[in-house]
PDB file of N, CA and C in Angstrom:
ATOM      1  N   UNK A   1      16.699  -2.433   1.509  1.00  0.00           N
ATOM      2  CA  UNK A   1      15.286  -2.059   1.490  1.00  0.00           C
ATOM      3  C   UNK A   1      14.545  -2.649   2.682  1.00  0.00           C
ATOM      4  N   UNK A   2      14.860  -3.879   3.048  1.00  0.00           N
ATOM      5  CA  UNK A   2      14.088  -4.577   4.076  1.00  0.00           C
ATOM      6  C   UNK A   2      14.065  -3.815   5.405  1.00  0.00           C
ATOM      7  N   UNK A   3      15.210  -3.341   5.831  1.00  0.00           N
ATOM      8  CA  UNK A   3      15.271  -2.576   7.079  1.00  0.00           C
ATOM      9  C   UNK A   3      14.449  -1.302   7.013  1.00  0.00           C
ATOM     10  N   UNK A   4      14.543  -0.597   5.904  1.00  0.00           N
ATOM     11  CA  UNK A   4      13.775   0.628   5.706  1.00  0.00           C
ATOM     12  C   UNK A   4      12.278   0.339   5.747  1.00  0.00           C
ATOM     13  N   UNK A   5      11.868  -0.748   5.092  1.00  0.00           N
ATOM     14  CA  UNK A   5      10.451  -1.104   5.041  1.00  0.00           C
ATOM     15  C   UNK A   5       9.935  -1.387   6.448  1.00  0.00           C
ATOM     16  N   UNK A   6      10.705  -2.142   7.231  1.00  0.00           N
ATOM     17  CA  UNK A   6      10.298  -2.439   8.603  1.00  0.00           C
ATOM     18  C   UNK A   6      10.152  -1.171   9.423  1.00  0.00           C
ATOM     19  N   UNK A   7      11.080  -0.251   9.249  1.00  0.00           N
ATOM     20  CA  UNK A   7      11.005   1.019   9.984  1.00  0.00           C
ATOM     21  C   UNK A   7       9.751   1.794   9.584  1.00  0.00           C
ATOM     22  N   UNK A   8       9.450   1.795   8.297  1.00  0.00           N
ATOM     23  CA  UNK A   8       8.260   2.506   7.804  1.00  0.00           C
ATOM     24  C   UNK A   8       6.971   1.942   8.395  1.00  0.00           C
ATOM     25  N   UNK A   9       6.805   0.625   8.320  1.00  0.00           N
ATOM     26  CA  UNK A   9       5.529   0.038   8.752  1.00  0.00           C
ATOM     27  C   UNK A   9       5.389  -0.019  10.272  1.00  0.00           C
ATOM     28  N   UNK A  10       6.493   0.189  10.994  1.00  0.00           N
ATOM     29  CA  UNK A  10       6.423   0.181  12.453  1.00  0.00           C
ATOM     30  C   UNK A  10       6.355   1.583  13.044  1.00  0.00           C
ATOM     31  N   UNK A  11       6.180   2.585  12.184  1.00  0.00           N
ATOM     32  CA  UNK A  11       6.099   3.966  12.667  1.00  0.00           C
ATOM     33  C   UNK A  11       4.789   4.248  13.386  1.00  0.00           C
ATOM     34  N   UNK A  12       4.651   5.491  13.852  1.00  0.00           N
ATOM     35  CA  UNK A  12       3.457   5.906  14.587  1.00  0.00           C
ATOM     36  C   UNK A  12       2.224   5.968  13.691  1.00  0.00           C
ATOM     37  N   UNK A  13       2.459   6.266  12.429  1.00  0.00           N
ATOM     38  CA  UNK A  13       1.376   6.496  11.482  1.00  0.00           C
ATOM     39  C   UNK A  13       1.045   5.217  10.710  1.00  0.00           C
ATOM     40  N   UNK A  14      -0.237   4.952  10.435  1.00  0.00           N
ATOM     41  CA  UNK A  14      -0.560   3.825   9.559  1.00  0.00           C
ATOM     42  C   UNK A  14       0.081   4.030   8.180  1.00  0.00           C
ATOM     43  N   UNK A  15       0.394   2.925   7.518  1.00  0.00           N
ATOM     44  CA  UNK A  15       1.052   2.993   6.213  1.00  0.00           C
ATOM     45  C   UNK A  15       0.251   2.162   5.203  1.00  0.00           C
ATOM     46  N   UNK A  16      -0.162   2.812   4.124  1.00  0.00           N
ATOM     47  CA  UNK A  16      -0.814   2.104   3.026  1.00  0.00           C
ATOM     48  C   UNK A  16       0.258   1.763   2.011  1.00  0.00           C
ATOM     49  N   UNK A  17       0.415   0.467   1.738  1.00  0.00           N
ATOM     50  CA  UNK A  17       1.437   0.017   0.802  1.00  0.00           C
ATOM     51  C   UNK A  17       0.755  -0.448  -0.481  1.00  0.00           C
ATOM     52  N   UNK A  18       1.221   0.106  -1.596  1.00  0.00           N
ATOM     53  CA  UNK A  18       0.736  -0.288  -2.914  1.00  0.00           C
ATOM     54  C   UNK A  18       1.812  -1.168  -3.541  1.00  0.00           C
ATOM     55  N   UNK A  19       1.592  -2.483  -3.486  1.00  0.00           N
ATOM     56  CA  UNK A  19       2.509  -3.418  -4.145  1.00  0.00           C
ATOM     57  C   UNK A  19       2.130  -3.427  -5.625  1.00  0.00           C
ATOM     58  N   UNK A  20       3.079  -3.062  -6.487  1.00  0.00           N
ATOM     59  CA  UNK A  20       2.776  -2.943  -7.908  1.00  0.00           C
ATOM     60  C   UNK A  20       3.945  -3.421  -8.747  1.00  0.00           C
ATOM     61  N   UNK A  21       3.756  -3.393 -10.073  1.00  0.00           N
ATOM     62  CA  UNK A  21       4.827  -3.742 -11.009  1.00  0.00           C
ATOM     63  C   UNK A  21       4.692  -2.843 -12.236  1.00  0.00           C
ATOM     64  N   UNK A  22       5.829  -2.539 -12.846  1.00  0.00           N
ATOM     65  CA  UNK A  22       5.844  -1.666 -14.030  1.00  0.00           C
ATOM     66  C   UNK A  22       5.020  -2.228 -15.180  1.00  0.00           C
ATOM     67  N   UNK A  23       5.022  -3.533 -15.330  1.00  0.00           N
ATOM     68  CA  UNK A  23       4.369  -4.188 -16.468  1.00  0.00           C
ATOM     69  C   UNK A  23       2.872  -4.401 -16.267  1.00  0.00           C
ATOM     70  N   UNK A  24       2.359  -4.030 -15.123  1.00  0.00           N
ATOM     71  CA  UNK A  24       0.975  -4.346 -14.731  1.00  0.00           C
ATOM     72  C   UNK A  24       0.006  -3.241 -15.156  1.00  0.00           C
ATOM     73  N   UNK A  25      -0.920  -3.581 -16.055  1.00  0.00           N
ATOM     74  CA  UNK A  25      -1.920  -2.624 -16.531  1.00  0.00           C
ATOM     75  C   UNK A  25      -2.811  -2.073 -15.431  1.00  0.00           C
ATOM     76  N   UNK A  26      -3.437  -2.947 -14.613  1.00  0.00           N
ATOM     77  CA  UNK A  26      -4.276  -2.443 -13.522  1.00  0.00           C
ATOM     78  C   UNK A  26      -3.502  -1.563 -12.531  1.00  0.00           C
ATOM     79  N   UNK A  27      -2.198  -1.819 -12.364  1.00  0.00           N
ATOM     80  CA  UNK A  27      -1.378  -0.993 -11.463  1.00  0.00           C
ATOM     81  C   UNK A  27      -1.314   0.442 -11.989  1.00  0.00           C
ATOM     82  N   UNK A  28      -1.242   0.575 -13.314  1.00  0.00           N
ATOM     83  CA  UNK A  28      -1.203   1.905 -13.920  1.00  0.00           C
ATOM     84  C   UNK A  28      -2.514   2.637 -13.662  1.00  0.00           C
ATOM     85  N   UNK A  29      -3.629   1.898 -13.651  1.00  0.00           N
ATOM     86  CA  UNK A  29      -4.939   2.483 -13.343  1.00  0.00           C
ATOM     87  C   UNK A  29      -5.024   2.878 -11.871  1.00  0.00           C
ATOM     88  N   UNK A  30      -4.385   2.090 -11.001  1.00  0.00           N
ATOM     89  CA  UNK A  30      -4.425   2.363  -9.558  1.00  0.00           C
ATOM     90  C   UNK A  30      -3.607   3.599  -9.200  1.00  0.00           C
ATOM     91  N   UNK A  31      -2.551   3.877  -9.965  1.00  0.00           N
ATOM     92  CA  UNK A  31      -1.646   4.983  -9.654  1.00  0.00           C
ATOM     93  C   UNK A  31      -2.321   6.325  -9.410  1.00  0.00           C
ATOM     94  N   UNK A  32      -3.139   6.822 -10.360  1.00  0.00           N
ATOM     95  CA  UNK A  32      -3.800   8.125 -10.149  1.00  0.00           C
ATOM     96  C   UNK A  32      -4.766   8.118  -8.963  1.00  0.00           C
ATOM     97  N   UNK A  33      -5.383   6.970  -8.692  1.00  0.00           N
ATOM     98  CA  UNK A  33      -6.291   6.858  -7.538  1.00  0.00           C
ATOM     99  C   UNK A  33      -5.488   7.046  -6.254  1.00  0.00           C
ATOM    100  N   UNK A  34      -4.310   6.419  -6.200  1.00  0.00           N
ATOM    101  CA  UNK A  34      -3.439   6.551  -5.028  1.00  0.00           C
ATOM    102  C   UNK A  34      -2.984   8.008  -4.866  1.00  0.00           C
ATOM    103  N   UNK A  35      -2.663   8.671  -5.973  1.00  0.00           N
ATOM    104  CA  UNK A  35      -2.240  10.079  -5.914  1.00  0.00           C
ATOM    105  C   UNK A  35      -3.352  10.961  -5.361  1.00  0.00           C
ATOM    106  N   UNK A  36      -4.582  10.749  -5.842  1.00  0.00           N
ATOM    107  CA  UNK A  36      -5.742  11.502  -5.339  1.00  0.00           C
ATOM    108  C   UNK A  36      -5.945  11.231  -3.858  1.00  0.00           C
ATOM    109  N   UNK A  37      -5.833   9.973  -3.490  1.00  0.00           N
ATOM    110  CA  UNK A  37      -6.022   9.567  -2.101  1.00  0.00           C
ATOM    111  C   UNK A  37      -5.002  10.255  -1.198  1.00  0.00           C
ATOM    112  N   UNK A  38      -3.757  10.307  -1.647  1.00  0.00           N
ATOM    113  CA  UNK A  38      -2.697  10.935  -0.853  1.00  0.00           C
ATOM    114  C   UNK A  38      -3.040  12.388  -0.560  1.00  0.00           C
ATOM    115  N   UNK A  39      -3.570  13.088  -1.552  1.00  0.00           N
ATOM    116  CA  UNK A  39      -3.964  14.491  -1.344  1.00  0.00           C
ATOM    117  C   UNK A  39      -5.122  14.580  -0.356  1.00  0.00           C
ATOM    118  N   UNK A  40      -6.067  13.647  -0.460  1.00  0.00           N
ATOM    119  CA  UNK A  40      -7.270  13.671   0.379  1.00  0.00           C
ATOM    120  C   UNK A  40      -6.979  13.358   1.849  1.00  0.00           C
ATOM    121  N   UNK A  41      -6.071  12.428   2.102  1.00  0.00           N
ATOM    122  CA  UNK A  41      -5.818  12.020   3.495  1.00  0.00           C
ATOM    123  C   UNK A  41      -4.729  12.849   4.170  1.00  0.00           C
ATOM    124  N   UNK A  42      -3.991  13.605   3.381  1.00  0.00           N
ATOM    125  CA  UNK A  42      -2.957  14.450   3.969  1.00  0.00           C
ATOM    126  C   UNK A  42      -1.981  13.664   4.802  1.00  0.00           C
ATOM    127  N   UNK A  43      -1.785  14.082   6.042  1.00  0.00           N
ATOM    128  CA  UNK A  43      -0.798  13.448   6.904  1.00  0.00           C
ATOM    129  C   UNK A  43      -1.339  12.314   7.748  1.00  0.00           C
ATOM    130  N   UNK A  44      -2.575  11.893   7.482  1.00  0.00           N
ATOM    131  CA  UNK A  44      -3.211  10.858   8.298  1.00  0.00           C
ATOM    132  C   UNK A  44      -2.520   9.496   8.172  1.00  0.00           C
ATOM    133  N   UNK A  45      -2.113   9.156   6.957  1.00  0.00           N
ATOM    134  CA  UNK A  45      -1.405   7.902   6.698  1.00  0.00           C
ATOM    135  C   UNK A  45      -0.242   8.172   5.753  1.00  0.00           C
ATOM    136  N   UNK A  46       0.742   7.316   5.823  1.00  0.00           N
ATOM    137  CA  UNK A  46       1.823   7.345   4.833  1.00  0.00           C
ATOM    138  C   UNK A  46       1.422   6.412   3.713  1.00  0.00           C
ATOM    139  N   UNK A  47       1.718   6.789   2.496  1.00  0.00           N
ATOM    140  CA  UNK A  47       1.422   5.935   1.355  1.00  0.00           C
ATOM    141  C   UNK A  47       2.733   5.674   0.629  1.00  0.00           C
ATOM    142  N   UNK A  48       3.050   4.400   0.467  1.00  0.00           N
ATOM    143  CA  UNK A  48       4.276   4.056  -0.248  1.00  0.00           C
ATOM    144  C   UNK A  48       3.972   3.030  -1.332  1.00  0.00           C
ATOM    145  N   UNK A  49       4.754   3.103  -2.394  1.00  0.00           N
ATOM    146  CA  UNK A  49       4.623   2.149  -3.494  1.00  0.00           C
ATOM    147  C   UNK A  49       5.832   1.222  -3.463  1.00  0.00           C
ATOM    148  N   UNK A  50       5.570  -0.058  -3.563  1.00  0.00           N
ATOM    149  CA  UNK A  50       6.640  -1.054  -3.576  1.00  0.00           C
ATOM    150  C   UNK A  50       6.576  -1.802  -4.904  1.00  0.00           C
ATOM    151  N   UNK A  51       7.630  -1.681  -5.690  1.00  0.00           N
ATOM    152  CA  UNK A  51       7.731  -2.426  -6.950  1.00  0.00           C
ATOM    153  C   UNK A  51       8.156  -3.852  -6.604  1.00  0.00           C
ATOM    154  N   UNK A  52       7.269  -4.809  -6.887  1.00  0.00           N
ATOM    155  CA  UNK A  52       7.549  -6.192  -6.467  1.00  0.00           C
ATOM    156  C   UNK A  52       8.736  -6.799  -7.203  1.00  0.00           C
ATOM    157  N   UNK A  53       9.049  -6.295  -8.386  1.00  0.00           N
ATOM    158  CA  UNK A  53      10.206  -6.823  -9.116  1.00  0.00           C
ATOM    159  C   UNK A  53      11.519  -6.325  -8.516  1.00  0.00           C
ATOM    160  N   UNK A  54      11.519  -5.116  -7.991  1.00  0.00           N
ATOM    161  CA  UNK A  54      12.728  -4.545  -7.395  1.00  0.00           C
ATOM    162  C   UNK A  54      12.859  -4.891  -5.919  1.00  0.00           C
ATOM    163  N   UNK A  55      11.767  -5.320  -5.294  1.00  0.00           N
ATOM    164  CA  UNK A  55      11.758  -5.633  -3.860  1.00  0.00           C
ATOM    165  C   UNK A  55      11.141  -7.011  -3.641  1.00  0.00           C
ATOM    166  N   UNK A  56      11.750  -8.010  -4.260  1.00  0.00           N
ATOM    167  CA  UNK A  56      11.184  -9.356  -4.227  1.00  0.00           C
ATOM    168  C   UNK A  56      11.114  -9.942  -2.821  1.00  0.00           C
ATOM    169  N   UNK A  57      12.072  -9.623  -1.978  1.00  0.00           N
ATOM    170  CA  UNK A  57      12.072 -10.179  -0.615  1.00  0.00           C
ATOM    171  C   UNK A  57      10.855  -9.693   0.161  1.00  0.00           C
ATOM    172  N   UNK A  58      10.537  -8.418   0.024  1.00  0.00           N
ATOM    173  CA  UNK A  58       9.364  -7.859   0.722  1.00  0.00           C
ATOM    174  C   UNK A  58       8.085  -8.479   0.149  1.00  0.00           C
ATOM    175  N   UNK A  59       8.007  -8.576  -1.171  1.00  0.00           N
ATOM    176  CA  UNK A  59       6.829  -9.162  -1.810  1.00  0.00           C
ATOM    177  C   UNK A  59       6.625 -10.614  -1.365  1.00  0.00           C
ATOM    178  N   UNK A  60       7.719 -11.366  -1.271  1.00  0.00           N
ATOM    179  CA  UNK A  60       7.625 -12.761  -0.831  1.00  0.00           C
ATOM    180  C   UNK A  60       7.214 -12.843   0.634  1.00  0.00           C
ATOM    181  N   UNK A  61       7.775 -11.983   1.437  1.00  0.00           N
ATOM    182  CA  UNK A  61       7.470 -11.986   2.869  1.00  0.00           C
ATOM    183  C   UNK A  61       5.976 -11.804   3.119  1.00  0.00           C
ATOM    184  N   UNK A  62       5.334 -10.956   2.309  1.00  0.00           N
ATOM    185  CA  UNK A  62       3.902 -10.699   2.483  1.00  0.00           C
ATOM    186  C   UNK A  62       3.051 -11.481   1.483  1.00  0.00           C
ATOM    187  N   UNK A  63       3.673 -12.447   0.821  1.00  0.00           N
ATOM    188  CA  UNK A  63       2.993 -13.374  -0.085  1.00  0.00           C
ATOM    189  C   UNK A  63       2.121 -12.637  -1.108  1.00  0.00           C
ATOM    190  N   UNK A  64       2.711 -11.630  -1.722  1.00  0.00           N
ATOM    191  CA  UNK A  64       2.012 -10.889  -2.771  1.00  0.00           C
ATOM    192  C   UNK A  64       2.045 -11.736  -4.035  1.00  0.00           C
ATOM    193  N   UNK A  65       0.901 -12.226  -4.432  1.00  0.00           N
ATOM    194  CA  UNK A  65       0.791 -13.109  -5.596  1.00  0.00           C
ATOM    195  C   UNK A  65       0.304 -12.349  -6.836  1.00  0.00           C
ATOM    196  N   UNK A  66      -0.549 -11.365  -6.639  1.00  0.00           N
ATOM    197  CA  UNK A  66      -1.091 -10.598  -7.745  1.00  0.00           C
ATOM    198  C   UNK A  66      -0.900  -9.114  -7.492  1.00  0.00           C
ATOM    199  N   UNK A  67      -0.823  -8.350  -8.552  1.00  0.00           N
ATOM    200  CA  UNK A  67      -0.686  -6.909  -8.409  1.00  0.00           C
ATOM    201  C   UNK A  67      -1.806  -6.226  -9.193  1.00  0.00           C
ATOM    202  N   UNK A  68      -2.285  -5.080  -8.763  1.00  0.00           N
ATOM    203  CA  UNK A  68      -1.876  -4.422  -7.520  1.00  0.00           C
ATOM    204  C   UNK A  68      -2.460  -5.129  -6.296  1.00  0.00           C
ATOM    205  N   UNK A  69      -1.687  -5.124  -5.231  1.00  0.00           N
ATOM    206  CA  UNK A  69      -2.162  -5.539  -3.916  1.00  0.00           C
ATOM    207  C   UNK A  69      -1.922  -4.360  -2.993  1.00  0.00           C
ATOM    208  N   UNK A  70      -2.953  -3.963  -2.284  1.00  0.00           N
ATOM    209  CA  UNK A  70      -2.821  -2.866  -1.326  1.00  0.00           C
ATOM    210  C   UNK A  70      -2.949  -3.439   0.070  1.00  0.00           C
ATOM    211  N   UNK A  71      -2.122  -2.930   0.969  1.00  0.00           N
ATOM    212  CA  UNK A  71      -2.165  -3.392   2.355  1.00  0.00           C
ATOM    213  C   UNK A  71      -2.005  -2.192   3.275  1.00  0.00           C
ATOM    214  N   UNK A  72      -2.794  -2.175   4.334  1.00  0.00           N
ATOM    215  CA  UNK A  72      -2.680  -1.122   5.338  1.00  0.00           C
ATOM    216  C   UNK A  72      -2.026  -1.717   6.572  1.00  0.00           C
ATOM    217  N   UNK A  73      -0.896  -1.143   6.942  1.00  0.00           N
ATOM    218  CA  UNK A  73      -0.152  -1.582   8.124  1.00  0.00           C
ATOM    219  C   UNK A  73      -0.384  -0.607   9.258  1.00  0.00           C
ATOM    220  N   UNK A  74      -0.541  -1.142  10.457  1.00  0.00           N
ATOM    221  CA  UNK A  74      -0.644  -0.320  11.654  1.00  0.00           C
ATOM    222  C   UNK A  74       0.243  -0.978  12.705  1.00  0.00           C
ATOM    223  N   UNK A  75       1.210  -0.237  13.194  1.00  0.00           N
ATOM    224  CA  UNK A  75       2.167  -0.761  14.179  1.00  0.00           C
ATOM    225  C   UNK A  75       2.816  -2.062  13.687  1.00  0.00           C
ATOM    226  N   UNK A  76       3.134  -2.112  12.391  1.00  0.00           N
ATOM    227  CA  UNK A  76       3.841  -3.261  11.838  1.00  0.00           C
ATOM    228  C   UNK A  76       2.963  -4.431  11.434  1.00  0.00           C
ATOM    229  N   UNK A  77       1.673  -4.358  11.724  1.00  0.00           N
ATOM    230  CA  UNK A  77       0.760  -5.457  11.402  1.00  0.00           C
ATOM    231  C   UNK A  77      -0.166  -5.069  10.262  1.00  0.00           C
ATOM    232  N   UNK A  78      -0.508  -6.046   9.414  1.00  0.00           N
ATOM    233  CA  UNK A  78      -1.486  -5.782   8.350  1.00  0.00           C
ATOM    234  C   UNK A  78      -2.872  -5.778   8.984  1.00  0.00           C
ATOM    235  N   UNK A  79      -3.582  -4.654   8.836  1.00  0.00           N
ATOM    236  CA  UNK A  79      -4.948  -4.567   9.364  1.00  0.00           C
ATOM    237  C   UNK A  79      -5.985  -4.684   8.243  1.00  0.00           C
ATOM    238  N   UNK A  80      -5.515  -4.540   6.990  1.00  0.00           N
ATOM    239  CA  UNK A  80      -6.397  -4.678   5.823  1.00  0.00           C
ATOM    240  C   UNK A  80      -5.536  -4.986   4.618  1.00  0.00           C
ATOM    241  N   UNK A  81      -6.066  -5.813   3.718  1.00  0.00           N
ATOM    242  CA  UNK A  81      -5.324  -6.158   2.501  1.00  0.00           C
ATOM    243  C   UNK A  81      -6.315  -6.550   1.420  1.00  0.00           C
ATOM    244  N   UNK A  82      -6.052  -6.107   0.194  1.00  0.00           N
ATOM    245  CA  UNK A  82      -6.943  -6.420  -0.914  1.00  0.00           C
ATOM    246  C   UNK A  82      -6.148  -6.409  -2.209  1.00  0.00           C
ATOM    247  N   UNK A  83      -6.420  -7.359  -3.079  1.00  0.00           N
ATOM    248  CA  UNK A  83      -5.801  -7.369  -4.403  1.00  0.00           C
ATOM    249  C   UNK A  83      -6.770  -6.779  -5.411  1.00  0.00           C
ATOM    250  N   UNK A  84      -6.218  -6.242  -6.488  1.00  0.00           N
ATOM    251  CA  UNK A  84      -7.043  -5.641  -7.523  1.00  0.00           C
ATOM    252  C   UNK A  84      -7.161  -4.145  -7.318  1.00  0.00           C
ATOM    253  N   UNK A  85      -7.653  -3.463  -8.340  1.00  0.00           N
ATOM    254  CA  UNK A  85      -7.778  -2.006  -8.282  1.00  0.00           C
ATOM    255  C   UNK A  85      -8.862  -1.629  -7.272  1.00  0.00           C
ATOM    256  N   UNK A  86      -8.529  -0.696  -6.387  1.00  0.00           N
ATOM    257  CA  UNK A  86      -9.453  -0.214  -5.356  1.00  0.00           C
ATOM    258  C   UNK A  86      -9.819   1.234  -5.657  1.00  0.00           C
ATOM    259  N   UNK A  87     -11.071   1.578  -5.424  1.00  0.00           N
ATOM    260  CA  UNK A  87     -11.500   2.959  -5.661  1.00  0.00           C
ATOM    261  C   UNK A  87     -11.044   3.849  -4.503  1.00  0.00           C
ATOM    262  N   UNK A  88     -11.022   5.139  -4.775  1.00  0.00           N
ATOM    263  CA  UNK A  88     -10.634   6.097  -3.735  1.00  0.00           C
ATOM    264  C   UNK A  88     -11.589   5.991  -2.540  1.00  0.00           C
ATOM    265  N   UNK A  89     -12.893   5.852  -2.804  1.00  0.00           N
ATOM    266  CA  UNK A  89     -13.855   5.791  -1.693  1.00  0.00           C
ATOM    267  C   UNK A  89     -13.648   4.530  -0.847  1.00  0.00           C
ATOM    268  N   UNK A  90     -13.341   3.392  -1.500  1.00  0.00           N
ATOM    269  CA  UNK A  90     -13.058   2.159  -0.740  1.00  0.00           C
ATOM    270  C   UNK A  90     -11.845   2.373   0.169  1.00  0.00           C
ATOM    271  N   UNK A  91     -10.804   2.975  -0.395  1.00  0.00           N
ATOM    272  CA  UNK A  91      -9.574   3.182   0.371  1.00  0.00           C
ATOM    273  C   UNK A  91      -9.791   4.198   1.498  1.00  0.00           C
ATOM    274  N   UNK A  92     -10.575   5.240   1.240  1.00  0.00           N
ATOM    275  CA  UNK A  92     -10.878   6.233   2.289  1.00  0.00           C
ATOM    276  C   UNK A  92     -11.595   5.558   3.456  1.00  0.00           C
ATOM    277  N   UNK A  93     -12.544   4.683   3.145  1.00  0.00           N
ATOM    278  CA  UNK A  93     -13.289   3.971   4.186  1.00  0.00           C
ATOM    279  C   UNK A  93     -12.340   3.149   5.049  1.00  0.00           C
ATOM    280  N   UNK A  94     -11.452   2.404   4.401  1.00  0.00           N
ATOM    281  CA  UNK A  94     -10.495   1.566   5.135  1.00  0.00           C
ATOM    282  C   UNK A  94      -9.596   2.431   6.018  1.00  0.00           C
ATOM    283  N   UNK A  95      -9.110   3.528   5.478  1.00  0.00           N
ATOM    284  CA  UNK A  95      -8.220   4.415   6.245  1.00  0.00           C
ATOM    285  C   UNK A  95      -8.979   5.022   7.437  1.00  0.00           C
ATOM    286  N   UNK A  96     -10.201   5.478   7.200  1.00  0.00           N
ATOM    287  CA  UNK A  96     -10.987   6.079   8.282  1.00  0.00           C
ATOM    288  C   UNK A  96     -11.319   5.071   9.378  1.00  0.00           C
ATOM    289  N   UNK A  97     -11.497   3.818   9.012  1.00  0.00           N
ATOM    290  CA  UNK A  97     -11.793   2.777  10.006  1.00  0.00           C
ATOM    291  C   UNK A  97     -10.566   2.409  10.828  1.00  0.00           C
ATOM    292  N   UNK A  98      -9.380   2.704  10.306  1.00  0.00           N
ATOM    293  CA  UNK A  98      -8.146   2.243  10.958  1.00  0.00           C
ATOM    294  C   UNK A  98      -7.232   3.362  11.440  1.00  0.00           C
ATOM    295  N   UNK A  99      -7.751   4.578  11.500  1.00  0.00           N
ATOM    296  CA  UNK A  99      -6.917   5.686  12.000  1.00  0.00           C
ATOM    297  C   UNK A  99      -7.585   6.360  13.170  1.00  0.00           C
TER     298      UNK A  99
END
């Protein structure tokens, strides 16, 4: 997974990463917001979900302590990061500021 993740976040397109867990209630609330967002932004950004239990090395590398944690990567660097459920409008603003 680690190599794939590095390739993803170092691509030409910004990548919004949703660090989540199956057992996390707020993560379940964030899911439909992320789906709506994906439709709204189209090909502007890539959106990927990372299960922190299945990808512990990636979660540790980015010091994900709470879920959901969303992070926007651009050219391999985090340009924005926030824990907790984010609204579609908040996420649209962040994406528009960084694309």
